[in-house]
Amino acid sequence: MLQSRANLLTRTLPPVLVVPGIAVFVVSAAAFFLNMHVVGFDGYDLACYLMGGDGFAHGLPVYDLRLHGDGSRFIYPPVTLLVFGPLSHLPFGAVQVIHLMVGILALWAVVWLTLRLIGLERNAGLVGVSLGVTGCAMWLQPVFDTLNVGQINILVMLLVLADSAWSSRRRTVPAGILIGIATAVKLTPAIFIVYLLLIRRFRAALVATVTALGLTGLGFLIAPSDSLRYWIDGTFANAEYLISPFSLDDVTNQSVNGVALRFFGDSGKIVWFALALAIGIGGLAVAVRAHRVGEPLAGVLACAITGVLISPVSWHEHWVWMVPVGVWLGAVALQIRRTNPLIAGALLLPVAVYLTWPLEYSPGVVHPTSVLSPAGHMWNEGSRNPVVALITTTYVSVGLALLAMAGWVFSHKEVTASGAVSPEQLRTPPSAP
């Protein structure tokens, strides 16, 4: 069913697509900012980041601070204070604008890289398609809410994808360094270092590890007491403490851990550990297999989905990886649309799950959101029938289904002659991005 992307290497999109692509992006962006103007920019997470930066700038213990006195804590590693500290001196409105502009630009870069990795040539048509897809992707709930609350998930995804895309002979920085930066900033990308080891890119794995450790060491230099609190006292591993005042069993925690805690209560911790171990091994096996059969992009995406599934906390915003996954599925659907039209259509359904609709975001407030929000309200109010329960597992269920599908497909493909894909095959063909 899934053919190699090799036959797409000479695909050149019609230049005329640049006009409708730009039009879609402009209309989508205008609607997005109009919604922000009418409903308001949430900015909750961004405020937490700036709270930590301001505390750092004034010599306060950043991990003791609470937003508005009883709200969320600053949860990122101390080295990130080098960025949040200076930003905290700017007006909040200015930081909001910077965050939105950088986030949308990063989203476009993710789409562009993904399209290049599936083999599309650089031309005006690709510019148009990438902008059009970016405009549509802004209305996926993980993306919409990442931009709305001020998270950095898109930037972290871009770092990982860019590191995976660049060729070893063309890159201006060593392979692995961007993954190392992402790991130092958000920890969970460490799964990509494991992936690099499993596909025998040992040098890239070493560079990523050294980069992450080096930046962590830099954190100790600039904020020694906060670093001791975060790393030595184990604050980084205390999920309940870090996400307070929210809880791990909240419906917006779309990880296997969140599902297990909602369904099994305190016993869910044991269930999560067992499932996370099995899914971690199985998901990485799928990723490695994809790499070995000549599908390196699919390998990276399988690794990303695995990481989101097994993390103790994966808020719905963390599923921004569905953007490159959706682009890749769309490419496959186009490839098989004539021979397997039903399967081609079905491949687009997983992305539809993440679309936003004008639904009840919070009691009495209509806002662009996915089916998770109303299902979450019903769950919290005690309406825990099978249908509601199933909807509260939506993102996790889709992720597991995609891994299972990829595992089945790639198990039926032959390994490349060398038994592995060389680092050069990870580059964006036929030239640099």
Foldseek 3Di string as FASTA:
>chain_A
DFDALVVQQPPEFPLVLLVVLVVLLVVLVVVLVVQCVVVHFQQQVVVQLLQLLCCLLVVHLQQVDAVVRAHAGNQWALLCSVVSNVVNVDPPVVVLVVLLVVLLVLLLLLLLLLVLLSNYDDDNNSNSVSSNLSSQLCQQFLNVVCSRNVHCLSVLVSLLSQLLAAFCVPDPDHRQLSLLVSCLTPVLSLLVLVLCVLLPVPVNSVNSVCNSVVSLVVSCVSPVVSSCVPPVVPVNVPVQSNNPPDGLLQLQQQAQLNLLCLVPNPCSVVVLVVVLVVLSVLLSVLLSLCQQLLNNVVSSLSSLLSSSHNDSGRGNSNVSSVSSVLVVLQVSLVVCCVVCVVVSVVSNVLSVQRGFDQDPQDVPHTDTGGPSRVLSVCVVVPVDDPVSSVNSNSNVVSSVVVSVVSSVVSVPGDGPPVSGDDSNSSYRPPDHD
